[in-house]
Amino acid sequence: MSRPTELSPAAANSEAMRVLVALSVAHLLNDILQSLIPALYPLIKDSFALSFAQIGLITFTYQLTASVLQPLVGAFTDRHPLPQSLAVGMVFTLVGLVLFARATQYSTLVIAAALTGTGSAIFHPEASRIRGAKHQLRQRGPLQADLRRGRAAADAVAVVAHGELALQRLHQRQVELGID
Protein backbone atom coordinates (compact mmCIF):
# COMPACT_ATOMS: atom_id res chain seq x y z
CA MET A 1 0.00 0.00 0.00
CA SER A 2 1.50 3.30 -1.03
CA ARG A 3 1.49 6.30 1.20
CA PRO A 4 -0.37 9.37 -0.08
CA THR A 5 1.91 12.18 -1.15
CA GLU A 6 1.62 15.45 0.68
CA LEU A 7 0.92 18.55 -1.35
CA SER A 8 3.11 21.60 -1.12
CA PRO A 9 1.41 24.65 0.42
CA ALA A 10 1.09 26.27 -3.02
CA ALA A 11 -0.44 23.11 -4.51
CA ALA A 12 -2.79 22.76 -1.55
CA ASN A 13 -3.93 26.39 -1.96
CA SER A 14 -4.44 25.82 -5.67
CA GLU A 15 -6.47 22.68 -4.98
CA ALA A 16 -8.53 24.50 -2.35
CA MET A 17 -9.19 27.33 -4.79
CA ARG A 18 -10.41 24.92 -7.49
CA VAL A 19 -12.76 23.28 -5.02
CA LEU A 20 -14.05 26.67 -3.84
CA VAL A 21 -14.67 27.86 -7.40
CA ALA A 22 -16.50 24.64 -8.33
CA LEU A 23 -18.53 24.82 -5.12
CA SER A 24 -19.34 28.49 -5.71
CA VAL A 25 -20.56 27.79 -9.24
CA ALA A 26 -22.69 24.88 -7.99
CA HIS A 27 -24.08 27.07 -5.21
CA LEU A 28 -24.83 29.85 -7.69
CA LEU A 29 -26.68 27.44 -10.00
CA ASN A 30 -28.56 25.88 -7.08
CA ASP A 31 -29.78 29.25 -5.80
CA ILE A 32 -30.71 30.47 -9.29
CA LEU A 33 -32.72 27.33 -9.96
CA GLN A 34 -34.52 27.59 -6.64
CA SER A 35 -35.47 31.20 -7.29
CA LEU A 36 -37.37 30.06 -10.38
CA ILE A 37 -40.39 29.04 -8.33
CA PRO A 38 -41.40 32.57 -7.22
CA ALA A 39 -40.61 33.88 -10.71
CA LEU A 40 -43.15 31.43 -12.12
CA TYR A 41 -46.00 32.44 -9.79
CA PRO A 42 -47.71 34.76 -12.30
CA LEU A 43 -47.64 32.04 -14.95
CA ILE A 44 -48.93 29.24 -12.74
CA LYS A 45 -51.54 31.50 -11.16
CA ASP A 46 -53.06 32.07 -14.60
CA SER A 47 -52.46 28.57 -15.96
CA PHE A 48 -53.94 26.77 -12.95
CA ALA A 49 -56.42 29.52 -11.95
CA LEU A 50 -54.90 29.59 -8.46
CA SER A 51 -55.82 31.85 -5.60
CA PHE A 52 -53.20 33.78 -3.66
CA ALA A 53 -53.75 31.36 -0.78
CA GLN A 54 -52.79 28.46 -3.05
CA ILE A 55 -49.69 30.33 -4.23
CA GLY A 56 -48.91 30.97 -0.56
CA LEU A 57 -49.15 27.26 0.20
CA ILE A 58 -46.60 26.53 -2.53
CA THR A 59 -44.24 29.07 -0.94
CA PHE A 60 -44.96 27.75 2.55
CA THR A 61 -44.22 24.17 1.44
CA TYR A 62 -40.90 25.15 -0.13
CA GLN A 63 -39.83 27.28 2.83
CA LEU A 64 -40.95 24.71 5.40
CA THR A 65 -39.08 21.83 3.82
CA ALA A 66 -35.96 23.92 3.26
CA SER A 67 -36.00 25.52 6.72
CA VAL A 68 -36.96 22.48 8.79
CA LEU A 69 -34.85 19.89 7.00
CA GLN A 70 -31.67 21.97 6.61
CA PRO A 71 -30.72 21.98 10.33
CA LEU A 72 -31.52 18.28 10.57
CA VAL A 73 -29.41 17.45 7.52
CA GLY A 74 -26.69 19.76 8.84
CA ALA A 75 -26.63 18.03 12.22
CA PHE A 76 -26.32 14.65 10.51
CA THR A 77 -23.62 15.70 8.01
CA ASP A 78 -21.62 17.42 10.77
CA ARG A 79 -21.20 13.99 12.34
CA HIS A 80 -21.05 12.01 9.09
CA PRO A 81 -19.71 14.16 6.22
CA LEU A 82 -21.33 13.24 2.91
CA PRO A 83 -19.76 15.19 0.03
CA GLN A 84 -22.10 13.37 -2.36
CA SER A 85 -24.98 15.21 -0.70
CA LEU A 86 -24.10 18.20 -2.90
CA ALA A 87 -25.07 16.19 -5.96
CA VAL A 88 -28.05 14.62 -4.19
CA GLY A 89 -29.35 18.08 -3.26
CA MET A 90 -28.98 19.29 -6.84
CA VAL A 91 -30.84 16.21 -8.10
CA PHE A 92 -33.74 16.89 -5.70
CA THR A 93 -33.83 20.49 -6.92
CA LEU A 94 -33.74 19.39 -10.56
CA VAL A 95 -36.47 16.77 -10.10
CA GLY A 96 -38.60 19.34 -8.26
CA LEU A 97 -38.21 21.90 -11.03
CA VAL A 98 -38.88 19.38 -13.80
CA LEU A 99 -41.96 18.22 -11.92
CA PHE A 100 -42.96 21.85 -11.49
CA ALA A 101 -42.65 22.41 -15.25
CA ARG A 102 -44.60 19.25 -16.11
CA ALA A 103 -47.32 19.64 -13.49
CA THR A 104 -50.92 19.28 -14.58
CA GLN A 105 -52.44 19.45 -11.09
CA TYR A 106 -52.06 21.76 -8.14
CA SER A 107 -50.98 18.91 -5.85
CA THR A 108 -48.07 18.22 -8.20
CA LEU A 109 -46.94 21.84 -7.82
CA VAL A 110 -46.93 21.47 -4.03
CA ILE A 111 -44.94 18.21 -4.23
CA ALA A 112 -42.51 19.87 -6.64
CA ALA A 113 -42.02 22.76 -4.20
CA ALA A 114 -41.34 20.25 -1.40
CA LEU A 115 -38.73 18.46 -3.52
CA THR A 116 -37.03 21.74 -4.40
CA GLY A 117 -36.97 22.75 -0.73
CA THR A 118 -35.55 19.36 0.17
CA GLY A 119 -32.82 19.89 -2.42
CA SER A 120 -31.89 23.16 -0.77
CA ALA A 121 -31.90 21.55 2.67
CA ILE A 122 -29.56 18.79 1.53
CA PHE A 123 -27.22 20.98 -0.53
CA HIS A 124 -26.48 23.91 1.79
CA PRO A 125 -25.11 22.26 4.96
CA GLU A 126 -22.50 20.23 3.08
CA ALA A 127 -21.62 23.19 0.87
CA SER A 128 -20.97 25.28 3.99
CA ARG A 129 -18.92 22.53 5.62
CA ILE A 130 -16.71 22.03 2.58
CA ARG A 131 -16.31 25.75 2.04
CA GLY A 132 -15.29 26.21 5.67
CA ALA A 133 -12.78 23.38 5.48
CA LYS A 134 -11.25 24.69 2.29
CA HIS A 135 -11.11 28.25 3.56
CA GLN A 136 -9.07 27.03 6.52
CA LEU A 137 -10.30 29.99 8.52
CA ARG A 138 -10.34 30.23 12.25
CA GLN A 139 -13.09 32.87 12.20
CA ARG A 140 -16.62 32.23 10.96
CA GLY A 141 -17.23 35.87 10.01
CA PRO A 142 -15.26 35.87 6.74
CA LEU A 143 -16.79 32.54 5.74
CA GLN A 144 -20.33 33.79 6.34
CA ALA A 145 -19.56 36.98 4.42
CA ASP A 146 -18.34 34.88 1.51
CA LEU A 147 -21.52 32.77 1.58
CA ARG A 148 -23.66 35.94 1.65
CA ARG A 149 -21.76 37.38 -1.34
CA GLY A 150 -22.44 34.17 -3.23
CA ARG A 151 -26.13 34.35 -2.43
CA ALA A 152 -26.27 38.01 -3.48
CA ALA A 153 -24.57 37.14 -6.78
CA ALA A 154 -27.09 34.34 -7.38
CA ASP A 155 -29.97 36.71 -6.66
CA ALA A 156 -28.56 39.30 -9.09
CA VAL A 157 -28.09 36.77 -11.88
CA ALA A 158 -31.51 35.27 -11.20
CA VAL A 159 -33.24 38.65 -11.56
CA VAL A 160 -31.68 39.14 -14.99
CA ALA A 161 -32.39 35.57 -16.12
CA HIS A 162 -35.95 35.54 -14.83
CA GLY A 163 -36.56 39.00 -16.28
CA GLU A 164 -35.60 37.66 -19.68
CA LEU A 165 -38.01 34.73 -19.23
CA ALA A 166 -40.78 37.13 -18.24
CA LEU A 167 -40.15 39.33 -21.28
CA GLN A 168 -40.28 36.30 -23.56
CA ARG A 169 -43.56 35.19 -21.97
CA LEU A 170 -44.98 38.72 -22.29
CA HIS A 171 -44.04 38.82 -25.98
CA GLN A 172 -45.58 35.36 -26.49
CA ARG A 173 -48.79 36.52 -24.79
CA GLN A 174 -48.92 39.66 -26.93
CA VAL A 175 -48.57 37.54 -30.07
CA GLU A 176 -51.37 35.25 -28.85
CA LEU A 177 -53.63 38.25 -28.31
CA GLY A 178 -52.65 39.87 -31.62
CA ILE A 179 -51.18 42.93 -29.89
CA ASP A 180 -47.68 42.63 -31.30
C-alpha atoms as a PDB file:
ATOM      1  CA  MET A   1       0.000   0.000   0.000  1.00  0.00           C
ATOM      2  CA  SER A   2       1.500   3.304  -1.027  1.00  0.00           C
ATOM      3  CA  ARG A   3       1.492   6.300   1.204  1.00  0.00           C
ATOM      4  CA  PRO A   4      -0.375   9.372  -0.078  1.00  0.00           C
ATOM      5  CA  THR A   5       1.909  12.179  -1.150  1.00  0.00           C
ATOM      6  CA  GLU A   6       1.618  15.448   0.679  1.00  0.00           C
ATOM      7  CA  LEU A   7       0.920  18.548  -1.352  1.00  0.00           C
ATOM      8  CA  SER A   8       3.110  21.603  -1.120  1.00  0.00           C
ATOM      9  CA  PRO A   9       1.412  24.651   0.421  1.00  0.00           C
ATOM     10  CA  ALA A  10       1.091  26.273  -3.019  1.00  0.00           C
ATOM     11  CA  ALA A  11      -0.445  23.112  -4.512  1.00  0.00           C
ATOM     12  CA  ALA A  12      -2.790  22.763  -1.550  1.00  0.00           C
ATOM     13  CA  ASN A  13      -3.930  26.386  -1.957  1.00  0.00           C
ATOM     14  CA  SER A  14      -4.441  25.824  -5.674  1.00  0.00           C
ATOM     15  CA  GLU A  15      -6.471  22.677  -4.981  1.00  0.00           C
ATOM     16  CA  ALA A  16      -8.529  24.496  -2.349  1.00  0.00           C
ATOM     17  CA  MET A  17      -9.191  27.333  -4.788  1.00  0.00           C
ATOM     18  CA  ARG A  18     -10.406  24.920  -7.494  1.00  0.00           C
ATOM     19  CA  VAL A  19     -12.765  23.278  -5.015  1.00  0.00           C
ATOM     20  CA  LEU A  20     -14.055  26.671  -3.842  1.00  0.00           C
ATOM     21  CA  VAL A  21     -14.671  27.859  -7.403  1.00  0.00           C
ATOM     22  CA  ALA A  22     -16.503  24.636  -8.326  1.00  0.00           C
ATOM     23  CA  LEU A  23     -18.527  24.821  -5.119  1.00  0.00           C
ATOM     24  CA  SER A  24     -19.342  28.488  -5.708  1.00  0.00           C
ATOM     25  CA  VAL A  25     -20.560  27.786  -9.238  1.00  0.00           C
ATOM     26  CA  ALA A  26     -22.693  24.877  -7.995  1.00  0.00           C
ATOM     27  CA  HIS A  27     -24.080  27.071  -5.208  1.00  0.00           C
ATOM     28  CA  LEU A  28     -24.825  29.853  -7.685  1.00  0.00           C
ATOM     29  CA  LEU A  29     -26.678  27.444  -9.995  1.00  0.00           C
ATOM     30  CA  ASN A  30     -28.562  25.882  -7.081  1.00  0.00           C
ATOM     31  CA  ASP A  31     -29.781  29.251  -5.802  1.00  0.00           C
ATOM     32  CA  ILE A  32     -30.713  30.474  -9.293  1.00  0.00           C
ATOM     33  CA  LEU A  33     -32.723  27.332  -9.962  1.00  0.00           C
ATOM     34  CA  GLN A  34     -34.515  27.593  -6.638  1.00  0.00           C
ATOM     35  CA  SER A  35     -35.474  31.197  -7.289  1.00  0.00           C
ATOM     36  CA  LEU A  36     -37.370  30.059 -10.381  1.00  0.00           C
ATOM     37  CA  ILE A  37     -40.388  29.044  -8.332  1.00  0.00           C
ATOM     38  CA  PRO A  38     -41.403  32.568  -7.225  1.00  0.00           C
ATOM     39  CA  ALA A  39     -40.614  33.875 -10.713  1.00  0.00           C
ATOM     40  CA  LEU A  40     -43.153  31.434 -12.123  1.00  0.00           C
ATOM     41  CA  TYR A  41     -45.999  32.443  -9.786  1.00  0.00           C
ATOM     42  CA  PRO A  42     -47.709  34.762 -12.296  1.00  0.00           C
ATOM     43  CA  LEU A  43     -47.640  32.043 -14.946  1.00  0.00           C
ATOM     44  CA  ILE A  44     -48.925  29.239 -12.742  1.00  0.00           C
ATOM     45  CA  LYS A  45     -51.537  31.504 -11.163  1.00  0.00           C
ATOM     46  CA  ASP A  46     -53.060  32.068 -14.596  1.00  0.00           C
ATOM     47  CA  SER A  47     -52.462  28.570 -15.961  1.00  0.00           C
ATOM     48  CA  PHE A  48     -53.938  26.767 -12.953  1.00  0.00           C
ATOM     49  CA  ALA A  49     -56.424  29.516 -11.948  1.00  0.00           C
ATOM     50  CA  LEU A  50     -54.897  29.587  -8.463  1.00  0.00           C
ATOM     51  CA  SER A  51     -55.819  31.854  -5.598  1.00  0.00           C
ATOM     52  CA  PHE A  52     -53.204  33.781  -3.656  1.00  0.00           C
ATOM     53  CA  ALA A  53     -53.755  31.362  -0.781  1.00  0.00           C
ATOM     54  CA  GLN A  54     -52.793  28.455  -3.048  1.00  0.00           C
ATOM     55  CA  ILE A  55     -49.694  30.326  -4.226  1.00  0.00           C
ATOM     56  CA  GLY A  56     -48.911  30.970  -0.559  1.00  0.00           C
ATOM     57  CA  LEU A  57     -49.154  27.257   0.197  1.00  0.00           C
ATOM     58  CA  ILE A  58     -46.597  26.533  -2.531  1.00  0.00           C
ATOM     59  CA  THR A  59     -44.237  29.072  -0.943  1.00  0.00           C
ATOM     60  CA  PHE A  60     -44.961  27.748   2.549  1.00  0.00           C
ATOM     61  CA  THR A  61     -44.224  24.173   1.443  1.00  0.00           C
ATOM     62  CA  TYR A  62     -40.902  25.153  -0.129  1.00  0.00           C
ATOM     63  CA  GLN A  63     -39.827  27.278   2.833  1.00  0.00           C
ATOM     64  CA  LEU A  64     -40.955  24.714   5.403  1.00  0.00           C
ATOM     65  CA  THR A  65     -39.079  21.830   3.818  1.00  0.00           C
ATOM     66  CA  ALA A  66     -35.959  23.922   3.264  1.00  0.00           C
ATOM     67  CA  SER A  67     -36.005  25.516   6.721  1.00  0.00           C
ATOM     68  CA  VAL A  68     -36.962  22.483   8.789  1.00  0.00           C
ATOM     69  CA  LEU A  69     -34.854  19.893   7.002  1.00  0.00           C
ATOM     70  CA  GLN A  70     -31.674  21.972   6.611  1.00  0.00           C
ATOM     71  CA  PRO A  71     -30.724  21.984  10.334  1.00  0.00           C
ATOM     72  CA  LEU A  72     -31.524  18.277  10.575  1.00  0.00           C
ATOM     73  CA  VAL A  73     -29.413  17.451   7.523  1.00  0.00           C
ATOM     74  CA  GLY A  74     -26.690  19.756   8.835  1.00  0.00           C
ATOM     75  CA  ALA A  75     -26.626  18.033  12.219  1.00  0.00           C
ATOM     76  CA  PHE A  76     -26.315  14.654  10.510  1.00  0.00           C
ATOM     77  CA  THR A  77     -23.621  15.703   8.011  1.00  0.00           C
ATOM     78  CA  ASP A  78     -21.623  17.421  10.770  1.00  0.00           C
ATOM     79  CA  ARG A  79     -21.205  13.985  12.337  1.00  0.00           C
ATOM     80  CA  HIS A  80     -21.046  12.012   9.091  1.00  0.00           C
ATOM     81  CA  PRO A  81     -19.708  14.160   6.220  1.00  0.00           C
ATOM     82  CA  LEU A  82     -21.332  13.244   2.913  1.00  0.00           C
ATOM     83  CA  PRO A  83     -19.756  15.192   0.035  1.00  0.00           C
ATOM     84  CA  GLN A  84     -22.102  13.369  -2.357  1.00  0.00           C
ATOM     85  CA  SER A  85     -24.983  15.211  -0.704  1.00  0.00           C
ATOM     86  CA  LEU A  86     -24.104  18.202  -2.898  1.00  0.00           C
ATOM     87  CA  ALA A  87     -25.072  16.186  -5.962  1.00  0.00           C
ATOM     88  CA  VAL A  88     -28.046  14.619  -4.191  1.00  0.00           C
ATOM     89  CA  GLY A  89     -29.346  18.083  -3.258  1.00  0.00           C
ATOM     90  CA  MET A  90     -28.975  19.292  -6.839  1.00  0.00           C
ATOM     91  CA  VAL A  91     -30.842  16.209  -8.096  1.00  0.00           C
ATOM     92  CA  PHE A  92     -33.737  16.889  -5.703  1.00  0.00           C
ATOM     93  CA  THR A  93     -33.830  20.490  -6.924  1.00  0.00           C
ATOM     94  CA  LEU A  94     -33.739  19.391 -10.562  1.00  0.00           C
ATOM     95  CA  VAL A  95     -36.468  16.770 -10.098  1.00  0.00           C
ATOM     96  CA  GLY A  96     -38.598  19.340  -8.259  1.00  0.00           C
ATOM     97  CA  LEU A  97     -38.212  21.901 -11.027  1.00  0.00           C
ATOM     98  CA  VAL A  98     -38.879  19.380 -13.800  1.00  0.00           C
ATOM     99  CA  LEU A  99     -41.957  18.217 -11.922  1.00  0.00           C
ATOM    100  CA  PHE A 100     -42.959  21.851 -11.488  1.00  0.00           C
ATOM    101  CA  ALA A 101     -42.646  22.410 -15.252  1.00  0.00           C
ATOM    102  CA  ARG A 102     -44.603  19.247 -16.115  1.00  0.00           C
ATOM    103  CA  ALA A 103     -47.317  19.635 -13.492  1.00  0.00           C
ATOM    104  CA  THR A 104     -50.917  19.276 -14.577  1.00  0.00           C
ATOM    105  CA  GLN A 105     -52.441  19.451 -11.091  1.00  0.00           C
ATOM    106  CA  TYR A 106     -52.063  21.758  -8.139  1.00  0.00           C
ATOM    107  CA  SER A 107     -50.978  18.907  -5.852  1.00  0.00           C
ATOM    108  CA  THR A 108     -48.067  18.220  -8.200  1.00  0.00           C
ATOM    109  CA  LEU A 109     -46.945  21.838  -7.823  1.00  0.00           C
ATOM    110  CA  VAL A 110     -46.934  21.468  -4.028  1.00  0.00           C
ATOM    111  CA  ILE A 111     -44.941  18.207  -4.228  1.00  0.00           C
ATOM    112  CA  ALA A 112     -42.507  19.874  -6.641  1.00  0.00           C
ATOM    113  CA  ALA A 113     -42.017  22.757  -4.199  1.00  0.00           C
ATOM    114  CA  ALA A 114     -41.344  20.255  -1.401  1.00  0.00           C
ATOM    115  CA  LEU A 115     -38.733  18.456  -3.519  1.00  0.00           C
ATOM    116  CA  THR A 116     -37.034  21.738  -4.396  1.00  0.00           C
ATOM    117  CA  GLY A 117     -36.969  22.753  -0.726  1.00  0.00           C
ATOM    118  CA  THR A 118     -35.550  19.356   0.167  1.00  0.00           C
ATOM    119  CA  GLY A 119     -32.819  19.892  -2.423  1.00  0.00           C
ATOM    120  CA  SER A 120     -31.893  23.165  -0.769  1.00  0.00           C
ATOM    121  CA  ALA A 121     -31.904  21.552   2.674  1.00  0.00           C
ATOM    122  CA  ILE A 122     -29.563  18.787   1.533  1.00  0.00           C
ATOM    123  CA  PHE A 123     -27.222  20.983  -0.525  1.00  0.00           C
ATOM    124  CA  HIS A 124     -26.482  23.908   1.787  1.00  0.00           C
ATOM    125  CA  PRO A 125     -25.111  22.256   4.964  1.00  0.00           C
ATOM    126  CA  GLU A 126     -22.504  20.228   3.082  1.00  0.00           C
ATOM    127  CA  ALA A 127     -21.619  23.193   0.871  1.00  0.00           C
ATOM    128  CA  SER A 128     -20.969  25.284   3.990  1.00  0.00           C
ATOM    129  CA  ARG A 129     -18.922  22.526   5.617  1.00  0.00           C
ATOM    130  CA  ILE A 130     -16.707  22.035   2.578  1.00  0.00           C
ATOM    131  CA  ARG A 131     -16.306  25.751   2.037  1.00  0.00           C
ATOM    132  CA  GLY A 132     -15.290  26.213   5.671  1.00  0.00           C
ATOM    133  CA  ALA A 133     -12.784  23.375   5.484  1.00  0.00           C
ATOM    134  CA  LYS A 134     -11.252  24.688   2.286  1.00  0.00           C
ATOM    135  CA  HIS A 135     -11.105  28.251   3.562  1.00  0.00           C
ATOM    136  CA  GLN A 136      -9.069  27.032   6.523  1.00  0.00           C
ATOM    137  CA  LEU A 137     -10.304  29.991   8.521  1.00  0.00           C
ATOM    138  CA  ARG A 138     -10.342  30.234  12.251  1.00  0.00           C
ATOM    139  CA  GLN A 139     -13.089  32.874  12.198  1.00  0.00           C
ATOM    140  CA  ARG A 140     -16.624  32.226  10.963  1.00  0.00           C
ATOM    141  CA  GLY A 141     -17.227  35.873  10.012  1.00  0.00           C
ATOM    142  CA  PRO A 142     -15.258  35.872   6.738  1.00  0.00           C
ATOM    143  CA  LEU A 143     -16.794  32.539   5.742  1.00  0.00           C
ATOM    144  CA  GLN A 144     -20.331  33.791   6.344  1.00  0.00           C
ATOM    145  CA  ALA A 145     -19.556  36.981   4.422  1.00  0.00           C
ATOM    146  CA  ASP A 146     -18.338  34.878   1.515  1.00  0.00           C
ATOM    147  CA  LEU A 147     -21.515  32.774   1.584  1.00  0.00           C
ATOM    148  CA  ARG A 148     -23.658  35.937   1.645  1.00  0.00           C
ATOM    149  CA  ARG A 149     -21.758  37.381  -1.340  1.00  0.00           C
ATOM    150  CA  GLY A 150     -22.435  34.171  -3.235  1.00  0.00           C
ATOM    151  CA  ARG A 151     -26.126  34.345  -2.429  1.00  0.00           C
ATOM    152  CA  ALA A 152     -26.270  38.008  -3.482  1.00  0.00           C
ATOM    153  CA  ALA A 153     -24.574  37.139  -6.784  1.00  0.00           C
ATOM    154  CA  ALA A 154     -27.087  34.341  -7.377  1.00  0.00           C
ATOM    155  CA  ASP A 155     -29.967  36.711  -6.662  1.00  0.00           C
ATOM    156  CA  ALA A 156     -28.563  39.297  -9.089  1.00  0.00           C
ATOM    157  CA  VAL A 157     -28.089  36.769 -11.879  1.00  0.00           C
ATOM    158  CA  ALA A 158     -31.511  35.270 -11.199  1.00  0.00           C
ATOM    159  CA  VAL A 159     -33.236  38.654 -11.564  1.00  0.00           C
ATOM    160  CA  VAL A 160     -31.684  39.143 -14.989  1.00  0.00           C
ATOM    161  CA  ALA A 161     -32.388  35.567 -16.122  1.00  0.00           C
ATOM    162  CA  HIS A 162     -35.952  35.544 -14.829  1.00  0.00           C
ATOM    163  CA  GLY A 163     -36.563  38.999 -16.282  1.00  0.00           C
ATOM    164  CA  GLU A 164     -35.605  37.660 -19.684  1.00  0.00           C
ATOM    165  CA  LEU A 165     -38.013  34.731 -19.228  1.00  0.00           C
ATOM    166  CA  ALA A 166     -40.781  37.134 -18.236  1.00  0.00           C
ATOM    167  CA  LEU A 167     -40.147  39.330 -21.283  1.00  0.00           C
ATOM    168  CA  GLN A 168     -40.275  36.295 -23.556  1.00  0.00           C
ATOM    169  CA  ARG A 169     -43.558  35.194 -21.967  1.00  0.00           C
ATOM    170  CA  LEU A 170     -44.977  38.718 -22.293  1.00  0.00           C
ATOM    171  CA  HIS A 171     -44.040  38.824 -25.975  1.00  0.00           C
ATOM    172  CA  GLN A 172     -45.581  35.360 -26.491  1.00  0.00           C
ATOM    173  CA  ARG A 173     -48.791  36.519 -24.785  1.00  0.00           C
ATOM    174  CA  GLN A 174     -48.921  39.658 -26.933  1.00  0.00           C
ATOM    175  CA  VAL A 175     -48.572  37.545 -30.072  1.00  0.00           C
ATOM    176  CA  GLU A 176     -51.371  35.246 -28.846  1.00  0.00           C
ATOM    177  CA  LEU A 177     -53.635  38.253 -28.306  1.00  0.00           C
ATOM    178  CA  GLY A 178     -52.649  39.868 -31.617  1.00  0.00           C
ATOM    179  CA  ILE A 179     -51.181  42.927 -29.891  1.00  0.00           C
ATOM    180  CA  ASP A 180     -47.677  42.632 -31.301  1.00  0.00           C
END
